[in-house]
Amino acid sequence: MKFKLTLFFCIAVAAIAGGFLGELAANSLSPYVSWLGYSAAFGFDTLHFNLHILQFDFGLHVNINVTQLLLVALALVVSPKIASAIKTS
């Protein structure tokens, strides 16, 4: 349980920080850093289901950049070490 929570937390922090740092890198004027901001977007538009009692709208859009990929990969490597270092009482 400790490992799963640590893994989830590390991946969430890496994805959020990678998104922020990727945006900073994309707006950078330096060519050495700007490649970290390259991103790919994919998903589908809203699907609408009307069941006369309930209405559902589903949509998904994902935007991933290079920095997020690198930080999530780092989180996958580091999280077991963090989980083993956490002491539970």
PDB file of N, CA and C in Angstrom:
ATOM      1  N   MET A   1       0.817  -1.187   0.000  1.00  0.00           N
ATOM      2  CA  MET A   1       0.000   0.000   0.000  1.00  0.00           C
ATOM      3  C   MET A   1       0.866   1.258   0.000  1.00  0.00           C
ATOM      4  N   LYS A   2       1.941   1.212   0.805  1.00  0.00           N
ATOM      5  CA  LYS A   2       2.845   2.357   0.874  1.00  0.00           C
ATOM      6  C   LYS A   2       3.505   2.604  -0.482  1.00  0.00           C
ATOM      7  N   PHE A   3       3.874   1.520  -1.162  1.00  0.00           N
ATOM      8  CA  PHE A   3       4.517   1.651  -2.470  1.00  0.00           C
ATOM      9  C   PHE A   3       3.560   2.259  -3.491  1.00  0.00           C
ATOM     10  N   LYS A   4       2.309   1.812  -3.487  1.00  0.00           N
ATOM     11  CA  LYS A   4       1.333   2.314  -4.460  1.00  0.00           C
ATOM     12  C   LYS A   4       1.039   3.791  -4.249  1.00  0.00           C
ATOM     13  N   LEU A   5       0.894   4.200  -3.000  1.00  0.00           N
ATOM     14  CA  LEU A   5       0.639   5.613  -2.715  1.00  0.00           C
ATOM     15  C   LEU A   5       1.840   6.474  -3.088  1.00  0.00           C
ATOM     16  N   THR A   6       3.024   5.991  -2.778  1.00  0.00           N
ATOM     17  CA  THR A   6       4.234   6.732  -3.135  1.00  0.00           C
ATOM     18  C   THR A   6       4.384   6.830  -4.642  1.00  0.00           C
ATOM     19  N   LEU A   7       4.112   5.752  -5.347  1.00  0.00           N
ATOM     20  CA  LEU A   7       4.194   5.755  -6.806  1.00  0.00           C
ATOM     21  C   LEU A   7       3.185   6.739  -7.399  1.00  0.00           C
ATOM     22  N   PHE A   8       1.945   6.701  -6.925  1.00  0.00           N
ATOM     23  CA  PHE A   8       0.919   7.621  -7.415  1.00  0.00           C
ATOM     24  C   PHE A   8       1.314   9.066  -7.152  1.00  0.00           C
ATOM     25  N   PHE A   9       1.773   9.364  -5.943  1.00  0.00           N
ATOM     26  CA  PHE A   9       2.161  10.726  -5.599  1.00  0.00           C
ATOM     27  C   PHE A   9       3.344  11.198  -6.448  1.00  0.00           C
ATOM     28  N   CYS A  10       4.344  10.351  -6.636  1.00  0.00           N
ATOM     29  CA  CYS A  10       5.516  10.723  -7.439  1.00  0.00           C
ATOM     30  C   CYS A  10       5.133  10.976  -8.900  1.00  0.00           C
ATOM     31  N   ILE A  11       4.273  10.134  -9.460  1.00  0.00           N
ATOM     32  CA  ILE A  11       3.857  10.323 -10.845  1.00  0.00           C
ATOM     33  C   ILE A  11       3.019  11.597 -10.987  1.00  0.00           C
ATOM     34  N   ALA A  12       2.137  11.855 -10.023  1.00  0.00           N
ATOM     35  CA  ALA A  12       1.313  13.066 -10.083  1.00  0.00           C
ATOM     36  C   ALA A  12       2.170  14.322  -9.998  1.00  0.00           C
ATOM     37  N   VAL A  13       3.121  14.340  -9.081  1.00  0.00           N
ATOM     38  CA  VAL A  13       4.006  15.497  -8.942  1.00  0.00           C
ATOM     39  C   VAL A  13       4.863  15.665 -10.193  1.00  0.00           C
ATOM     40  N   ALA A  14       5.346  14.565 -10.752  1.00  0.00           N
ATOM     41  CA  ALA A  14       6.181  14.636 -11.959  1.00  0.00           C
ATOM     42  C   ALA A  14       5.381  15.151 -13.145  1.00  0.00           C
ATOM     43  N   ALA A  15       4.140  14.720 -13.286  1.00  0.00           N
ATOM     44  CA  ALA A  15       3.322  15.175 -14.404  1.00  0.00           C
ATOM     45  C   ALA A  15       2.991  16.657 -14.287  1.00  0.00           C
ATOM     46  N   ILE A  16       2.663  17.115 -13.095  1.00  0.00           N
ATOM     47  CA  ILE A  16       2.331  18.534 -12.899  1.00  0.00           C
ATOM     48  C   ILE A  16       3.576  19.400 -13.070  1.00  0.00           C
ATOM     49  N   ALA A  17       4.669  19.005 -12.438  1.00  0.00           N
ATOM     50  CA  ALA A  17       5.908  19.784 -12.568  1.00  0.00           C
ATOM     51  C   ALA A  17       6.425  19.755 -14.000  1.00  0.00           C
ATOM     52  N   GLY A  18       6.294  18.612 -14.668  1.00  0.00           N
ATOM     53  CA  GLY A  18       6.737  18.515 -16.057  1.00  0.00           C
ATOM     54  C   GLY A  18       5.922  19.395 -16.986  1.00  0.00           C
ATOM     55  N   GLY A  19       4.634  19.504 -16.725  1.00  0.00           N
ATOM     56  CA  GLY A  19       3.800  20.398 -17.526  1.00  0.00           C
ATOM     57  C   GLY A  19       4.214  21.848 -17.364  1.00  0.00           C
ATOM     58  N   PHE A  20       4.470  22.238 -16.120  1.00  0.00           N
ATOM     59  CA  PHE A  20       4.894  23.614 -15.853  1.00  0.00           C
ATOM     60  C   PHE A  20       6.267  23.896 -16.462  1.00  0.00           C
ATOM     61  N   LEU A  21       7.220  22.999 -16.236  1.00  0.00           N
ATOM     62  CA  LEU A  21       8.566  23.203 -16.772  1.00  0.00           C
ATOM     63  C   LEU A  21       8.592  23.102 -18.295  1.00  0.00           C
ATOM     64  N   GLY A  22       7.745  22.257 -18.856  1.00  0.00           N
ATOM     65  CA  GLY A  22       7.652  22.154 -20.305  1.00  0.00           C
ATOM     66  C   GLY A  22       7.126  23.427 -20.945  1.00  0.00           C
ATOM     67  N   GLU A  23       6.160  24.068 -20.295  1.00  0.00           N
ATOM     68  CA  GLU A  23       5.665  25.354 -20.793  1.00  0.00           C
ATOM     69  C   GLU A  23       6.747  26.422 -20.714  1.00  0.00           C
ATOM     70  N   LEU A  24       7.503  26.425 -19.635  1.00  0.00           N
ATOM     71  CA  LEU A  24       8.612  27.378 -19.522  1.00  0.00           C
ATOM     72  C   LEU A  24       9.665  27.120 -20.600  1.00  0.00           C
ATOM     73  N   ALA A  25       9.960  25.863 -20.858  1.00  0.00           N
ATOM     74  CA  ALA A  25      10.960  25.517 -21.876  1.00  0.00           C
ATOM     75  C   ALA A  25      10.462  25.859 -23.274  1.00  0.00           C
ATOM     76  N   ALA A  26       9.179  25.684 -23.533  1.00  0.00           N
ATOM     77  CA  ALA A  26       8.635  25.990 -24.859  1.00  0.00           C
ATOM     78  C   ALA A  26       8.701  27.490 -25.148  1.00  0.00           C
ATOM     79  N   ASN A  27       8.563  28.298 -24.115  1.00  0.00           N
ATOM     80  CA  ASN A  27       8.614  29.749 -24.292  1.00  0.00           C
ATOM     81  C   ASN A  27      10.026  30.306 -24.168  1.00  0.00           C
ATOM     82  N   SER A  28      10.996  29.443 -23.962  1.00  0.00           N
ATOM     83  CA  SER A  28      12.377  29.869 -23.817  1.00  0.00           C
ATOM     84  C   SER A  28      12.972  30.249 -25.174  1.00  0.00           C
ATOM     85  N   LEU A  29      13.896  31.172 -25.148  1.00  0.00           N
ATOM     86  CA  LEU A  29      14.565  31.596 -26.377  1.00  0.00           C
ATOM     87  C   LEU A  29      15.799  30.739 -26.680  1.00  0.00           C
ATOM     88  N   SER A  30      16.216  29.942 -25.720  1.00  0.00           N
ATOM     89  CA  SER A  30      17.402  29.120 -25.903  1.00  0.00           C
ATOM     90  C   SER A  30      17.064  27.846 -26.685  1.00  0.00           C
ATOM     91  N   PRO A  31      17.799  27.558 -27.752  1.00  0.00           N
ATOM     92  CA  PRO A  31      17.529  26.329 -28.507  1.00  0.00           C
ATOM     93  C   PRO A  31      17.933  25.069 -27.746  1.00  0.00           C
ATOM     94  N   TYR A  32      18.762  25.214 -26.707  1.00  0.00           N
ATOM     95  CA  TYR A  32      19.196  24.070 -25.925  1.00  0.00           C
ATOM     96  C   TYR A  32      18.105  23.573 -24.973  1.00  0.00           C
ATOM     97  N   VAL A  33      17.155  24.438 -24.687  1.00  0.00           N
ATOM     98  CA  VAL A  33      16.105  24.107 -23.730  1.00  0.00           C
ATOM     99  C   VAL A  33      14.753  23.960 -24.408  1.00  0.00           C
ATOM    100  N   SER A  34      14.568  24.585 -25.541  1.00  0.00           N
ATOM    101  CA  SER A  34      13.244  24.643 -26.154  1.00  0.00           C
ATOM    102  C   SER A  34      12.721  23.278 -26.601  1.00  0.00           C
ATOM    103  N   TRP A  35      13.582  22.310 -26.850  1.00  0.00           N
ATOM    104  CA  TRP A  35      13.127  20.990 -27.274  1.00  0.00           C
ATOM    105  C   TRP A  35      12.377  20.264 -26.161  1.00  0.00           C
ATOM    106  N   LEU A  36      12.612  20.669 -24.914  1.00  0.00           N
ATOM    107  CA  LEU A  36      11.891  20.059 -23.801  1.00  0.00           C
ATOM    108  C   LEU A  36      10.410  20.434 -23.795  1.00  0.00           C
ATOM    109  N   GLY A  37      10.055  21.467 -24.543  1.00  0.00           N
ATOM    110  CA  GLY A  37       8.678  21.913 -24.597  1.00  0.00           C
ATOM    111  C   GLY A  37       7.864  21.319 -25.723  1.00  0.00           C
ATOM    112  N   TYR A  38       8.478  20.487 -26.575  1.00  0.00           N
ATOM    113  CA  TYR A  38       7.711  19.862 -27.657  1.00  0.00           C
ATOM    114  C   TYR A  38       6.609  19.001 -27.060  1.00  0.00           C
ATOM    115  N   SER A  39       5.422  19.120 -27.636  1.00  0.00           N
ATOM    116  CA  SER A  39       4.302  18.394 -27.060  1.00  0.00           C
ATOM    117  C   SER A  39       3.447  17.754 -28.148  1.00  0.00           C
ATOM    118  N   ALA A  40       2.674  16.786 -27.736  1.00  0.00           N
ATOM    119  CA  ALA A  40       1.716  16.120 -28.608  1.00  0.00           C
ATOM    120  C   ALA A  40       0.366  16.137 -27.910  1.00  0.00           C
ATOM    121  N   ALA A  41      -0.677  16.455 -28.671  1.00  0.00           N
ATOM    122  CA  ALA A  41      -2.026  16.500 -28.120  1.00  0.00           C
ATOM    123  C   ALA A  41      -2.891  15.485 -28.858  1.00  0.00           C
ATOM    124  N   PHE A  42      -3.688  14.763 -28.115  1.00  0.00           N
ATOM    125  CA  PHE A  42      -4.616  13.816 -28.719  1.00  0.00           C
ATOM    126  C   PHE A  42      -5.830  13.667 -27.812  1.00  0.00           C
ATOM    127  N   GLY A  43      -6.866  13.085 -28.342  1.00  0.00           N
ATOM    128  CA  GLY A  43      -8.083  12.876 -27.574  1.00  0.00           C
ATOM    129  C   GLY A  43      -9.285  12.835 -28.484  1.00  0.00           C
ATOM    130  N   PHE A  44     -10.458  12.924 -27.908  1.00  0.00           N
ATOM    131  CA  PHE A  44     -11.681  12.956 -28.688  1.00  0.00           C
ATOM    132  C   PHE A  44     -12.604  14.026 -28.124  1.00  0.00           C
ATOM    133  N   ASP A  45     -13.430  14.565 -29.010  1.00  0.00           N
ATOM    134  CA  ASP A  45     -14.355  15.612 -28.600  1.00  0.00           C
ATOM    135  C   ASP A  45     -15.484  15.017 -27.771  1.00  0.00           C
ATOM    136  N   THR A  46     -16.345  15.882 -27.340  1.00  0.00           N
ATOM    137  CA  THR A  46     -17.410  15.487 -26.437  1.00  0.00           C
ATOM    138  C   THR A  46     -18.395  14.527 -27.090  1.00  0.00           C
ATOM    139  N   LEU A  47     -18.653  13.427 -26.399  1.00  0.00           N
ATOM    140  CA  LEU A  47     -19.695  12.490 -26.789  1.00  0.00           C
ATOM    141  C   LEU A  47     -20.902  12.760 -25.902  1.00  0.00           C
ATOM    142  N   HIS A  48     -22.045  12.894 -26.496  1.00  0.00           N
ATOM    143  CA  HIS A  48     -23.248  13.257 -25.748  1.00  0.00           C
ATOM    144  C   HIS A  48     -24.229  12.096 -25.769  1.00  0.00           C
ATOM    145  N   PHE A  49     -24.635  11.651 -24.589  1.00  0.00           N
ATOM    146  CA  PHE A  49     -25.628  10.591 -24.453  1.00  0.00           C
ATOM    147  C   PHE A  49     -26.852  11.154 -23.743  1.00  0.00           C
ATOM    148  N   ASN A  50     -27.994  11.056 -24.378  1.00  0.00           N
ATOM    149  CA  ASN A  50     -29.239  11.533 -23.793  1.00  0.00           C
ATOM    150  C   ASN A  50     -30.141  10.326 -23.556  1.00  0.00           C
ATOM    151  N   LEU A  51     -30.396  10.027 -22.307  1.00  0.00           N
ATOM    152  CA  LEU A  51     -31.216   8.881 -21.944  1.00  0.00           C
ATOM    153  C   LEU A  51     -32.607   9.310 -21.459  1.00  0.00           C
ATOM    154  N   HIS A  52     -32.994  10.508 -21.735  1.00  0.00           N
ATOM    155  CA  HIS A  52     -34.272  11.127 -21.377  1.00  0.00           C
ATOM    156  C   HIS A  52     -34.432  11.340 -19.882  1.00  0.00           C
ATOM    157  N   ILE A  53     -33.694  10.666 -19.072  1.00  0.00           N
ATOM    158  CA  ILE A  53     -33.708  10.916 -17.635  1.00  0.00           C
ATOM    159  C   ILE A  53     -32.368  11.519 -17.224  1.00  0.00           C
ATOM    160  N   LEU A  54     -31.313  10.942 -17.780  1.00  0.00           N
ATOM    161  CA  LEU A  54     -29.956  11.409 -17.512  1.00  0.00           C
ATOM    162  C   LEU A  54     -29.286  11.792 -18.820  1.00  0.00           C
ATOM    163  N   GLN A  55     -28.411  12.767 -18.726  1.00  0.00           N
ATOM    164  CA  GLN A  55     -27.602  13.150 -19.879  1.00  0.00           C
ATOM    165  C   GLN A  55     -26.138  13.051 -19.469  1.00  0.00           C
ATOM    166  N   PHE A  56     -25.356  12.415 -20.319  1.00  0.00           N
ATOM    167  CA  PHE A  56     -23.932  12.259 -20.069  1.00  0.00           C
ATOM    168  C   PHE A  56     -23.147  12.923 -21.186  1.00  0.00           C
ATOM    169  N   ASP A  57     -22.084  13.615 -20.798  1.00  0.00           N
ATOM    170  CA  ASP A  57     -21.145  14.183 -21.753  1.00  0.00           C
ATOM    171  C   ASP A  57     -19.756  13.677 -21.385  1.00  0.00           C
ATOM    172  N   PHE A  58     -19.093  13.054 -22.341  1.00  0.00           N
ATOM    173  CA  PHE A  58     -17.756  12.532 -22.128  1.00  0.00           C
ATOM    174  C   PHE A  58     -16.807  13.158 -23.143  1.00  0.00           C
ATOM    175  N   GLY A  59     -15.643  13.546 -22.680  1.00  0.00           N
ATOM    176  CA  GLY A  59     -14.611  14.067 -23.561  1.00  0.00           C
ATOM    177  C   GLY A  59     -13.252  13.863 -22.919  1.00  0.00           C
ATOM    178  N   LEU A  60     -12.255  13.720 -23.738  1.00  0.00           N
ATOM    179  CA  LEU A  60     -10.909  13.501 -23.224  1.00  0.00           C
ATOM    180  C   LEU A  60      -9.910  14.179 -24.148  1.00  0.00           C
ATOM    181  N   HIS A  61      -9.060  15.003 -23.573  1.00  0.00           N
ATOM    182  CA  HIS A  61      -7.978  15.644 -24.314  1.00  0.00           C
ATOM    183  C   HIS A  61      -6.718  15.544 -23.470  1.00  0.00           C
ATOM    184  N   VAL A  62      -5.662  15.030 -24.059  1.00  0.00           N
ATOM    185  CA  VAL A  62      -4.395  14.842 -23.360  1.00  0.00           C
ATOM    186  C   VAL A  62      -3.318  15.603 -24.115  1.00  0.00           C
ATOM    187  N   ASN A  63      -2.503  16.339 -23.370  1.00  0.00           N
ATOM    188  CA  ASN A  63      -1.391  17.080 -23.946  1.00  0.00           C
ATOM    189  C   ASN A  63      -0.141  16.684 -23.156  1.00  0.00           C
ATOM    190  N   ILE A  64       0.783  16.001 -23.805  1.00  0.00           N
ATOM    191  CA  ILE A  64       1.990  15.492 -23.134  1.00  0.00           C
ATOM    192  C   ILE A  64       3.206  16.139 -23.782  1.00  0.00           C
ATOM    193  N   ASN A  65       4.143  16.600 -22.950  1.00  0.00           N
ATOM    194  CA  ASN A  65       5.376  17.146 -23.510  1.00  0.00           C
ATOM    195  C   ASN A  65       6.575  16.303 -23.084  1.00  0.00           C
ATOM    196  N   VAL A  66       7.722  16.605 -23.648  1.00  0.00           N
ATOM    197  CA  VAL A  66       8.941  15.817 -23.420  1.00  0.00           C
ATOM    198  C   VAL A  66       9.353  15.870 -21.954  1.00  0.00           C
ATOM    199  N   THR A  67       9.227  17.021 -21.332  1.00  0.00           N
ATOM    200  CA  THR A  67       9.624  17.154 -19.934  1.00  0.00           C
ATOM    201  C   THR A  67       8.775  16.267 -19.035  1.00  0.00           C
ATOM    202  N   GLN A  68       7.487  16.183 -19.315  1.00  0.00           N
ATOM    203  CA  GLN A  68       6.624  15.308 -18.534  1.00  0.00           C
ATOM    204  C   GLN A  68       7.040  13.845 -18.679  1.00  0.00           C
ATOM    205  N   LEU A  69       7.357  13.438 -19.890  1.00  0.00           N
ATOM    206  CA  LEU A  69       7.794  12.055 -20.103  1.00  0.00           C
ATOM    207  C   LEU A  69       9.067  11.745 -19.330  1.00  0.00           C
ATOM    208  N   LEU A  70      10.012  12.676 -19.364  1.00  0.00           N
ATOM    209  CA  LEU A  70      11.270  12.455 -18.654  1.00  0.00           C
ATOM    210  C   LEU A  70      11.065  12.406 -17.148  1.00  0.00           C
ATOM    211  N   LEU A  71      10.252  13.309 -16.612  1.00  0.00           N
ATOM    212  CA  LEU A  71      10.038  13.338 -15.169  1.00  0.00           C
ATOM    213  C   LEU A  71       9.204  12.152 -14.681  1.00  0.00           C
ATOM    214  N   VAL A  72       8.247  11.692 -15.469  1.00  0.00           N
ATOM    215  CA  VAL A  72       7.480  10.513 -15.074  1.00  0.00           C
ATOM    216  C   VAL A  72       8.380   9.271 -15.098  1.00  0.00           C
ATOM    217  N   ALA A  73       9.252   9.168 -16.085  1.00  0.00           N
ATOM    218  CA  ALA A  73      10.206   8.051 -16.110  1.00  0.00           C
ATOM    219  C   ALA A  73      11.129   8.105 -14.891  1.00  0.00           C
ATOM    220  N   LEU A  74      11.572   9.294 -14.520  1.00  0.00           N
ATOM    221  CA  LEU A  74      12.397   9.451 -13.325  1.00  0.00           C
ATOM    222  C   LEU A  74      11.615   9.080 -12.068  1.00  0.00           C
ATOM    223  N   ALA A  75      10.336   9.443 -12.016  1.00  0.00           N
ATOM    224  CA  ALA A  75       9.500   9.100 -10.862  1.00  0.00           C
ATOM    225  C   ALA A  75       9.329   7.591 -10.733  1.00  0.00           C
ATOM    226  N   LEU A  76       9.227   6.894 -11.862  1.00  0.00           N
ATOM    227  CA  LEU A  76       9.107   5.438 -11.812  1.00  0.00           C
ATOM    228  C   LEU A  76      10.367   4.779 -11.258  1.00  0.00           C
ATOM    229  N   VAL A  77      11.508   5.398 -11.497  1.00  0.00           N
ATOM    230  CA  VAL A  77      12.771   4.847 -10.994  1.00  0.00           C
ATOM    231  C   VAL A  77      12.979   5.200  -9.522  1.00  0.00           C
ATOM    232  N   VAL A  78      12.609   6.412  -9.143  1.00  0.00           N
ATOM    233  CA  VAL A  78      12.914   6.913  -7.807  1.00  0.00           C
ATOM    234  C   VAL A  78      11.877   6.495  -6.763  1.00  0.00           C
ATOM    235  N   SER A  79      10.641   6.282  -7.155  1.00  0.00           N
ATOM    236  CA  SER A  79       9.585   6.030  -6.170  1.00  0.00           C
ATOM    237  C   SER A  79       9.810   4.766  -5.322  1.00  0.00           C
ATOM    238  N   PRO A  80      10.343   3.671  -5.847  1.00  0.00           N
ATOM    239  CA  PRO A  80      10.612   2.539  -4.937  1.00  0.00           C
ATOM    240  C   PRO A  80      11.646   2.875  -3.864  1.00  0.00           C
ATOM    241  N   LYS A  81      12.616   3.701  -4.217  1.00  0.00           N
ATOM    242  CA  LYS A  81      13.625   4.098  -3.233  1.00  0.00           C
ATOM    243  C   LYS A  81      13.018   5.007  -2.179  1.00  0.00           C
ATOM    244  N   ILE A  82      12.115   5.874  -2.579  1.00  0.00           N
ATOM    245  CA  ILE A  82      11.435   6.749  -1.629  1.00  0.00           C
ATOM    246  C   ILE A  82      10.523   5.929  -0.725  1.00  0.00           C
ATOM    247  N   ALA A  83       9.806   4.975  -1.305  1.00  0.00           N
ATOM    248  CA  ALA A  83       8.897   4.142  -0.521  1.00  0.00           C
ATOM    249  C   ALA A  83       9.652   3.328   0.531  1.00  0.00           C
ATOM    250  N   SER A  84      10.821   2.822   0.173  1.00  0.00           N
ATOM    251  CA  SER A  84      11.591   2.045   1.145  1.00  0.00           C
ATOM    252  C   SER A  84      12.201   2.930   2.228  1.00  0.00           C
ATOM    253  N   ALA A  85      12.404   4.206   1.944  1.00  0.00           N
ATOM    254  CA  ALA A  85      12.987   5.113   2.937  1.00  0.00           C
ATOM    255  C   ALA A  85      11.937   5.641   3.909  1.00  0.00           C
ATOM    256  N   ILE A  86      10.655   5.556   3.539  1.00  0.00           N
ATOM    257  CA  ILE A  86       9.589   6.033   4.427  1.00  0.00           C
ATOM    258  C   ILE A  86       9.383   5.010   5.543  1.00  0.00           C
ATOM    259  N   LYS A  87       9.437   5.512   6.761  1.00  0.00           N
ATOM    260  CA  LYS A  87       9.247   4.625   7.911  1.00  0.00           C
ATOM    261  C   LYS A  87       7.809   4.771   8.400  1.00  0.00           C
ATOM    262  N   THR A  88       7.160   3.659   8.607  1.00  0.00           N
ATOM    263  CA  THR A  88       5.804   3.679   9.142  1.00  0.00           C
ATOM    264  C   THR A  88       5.836   3.252  10.600  1.00  0.00           C
ATOM    265  N   SER A  89       4.922   3.799  11.338  1.00  0.00           N
ATOM    266  CA  SER A  89       4.891   3.455  12.778  1.00  0.00           C
ATOM    267  C   SER A  89       3.766   2.514  13.101  1.00  0.00           C
TER     268      SER A  89
END
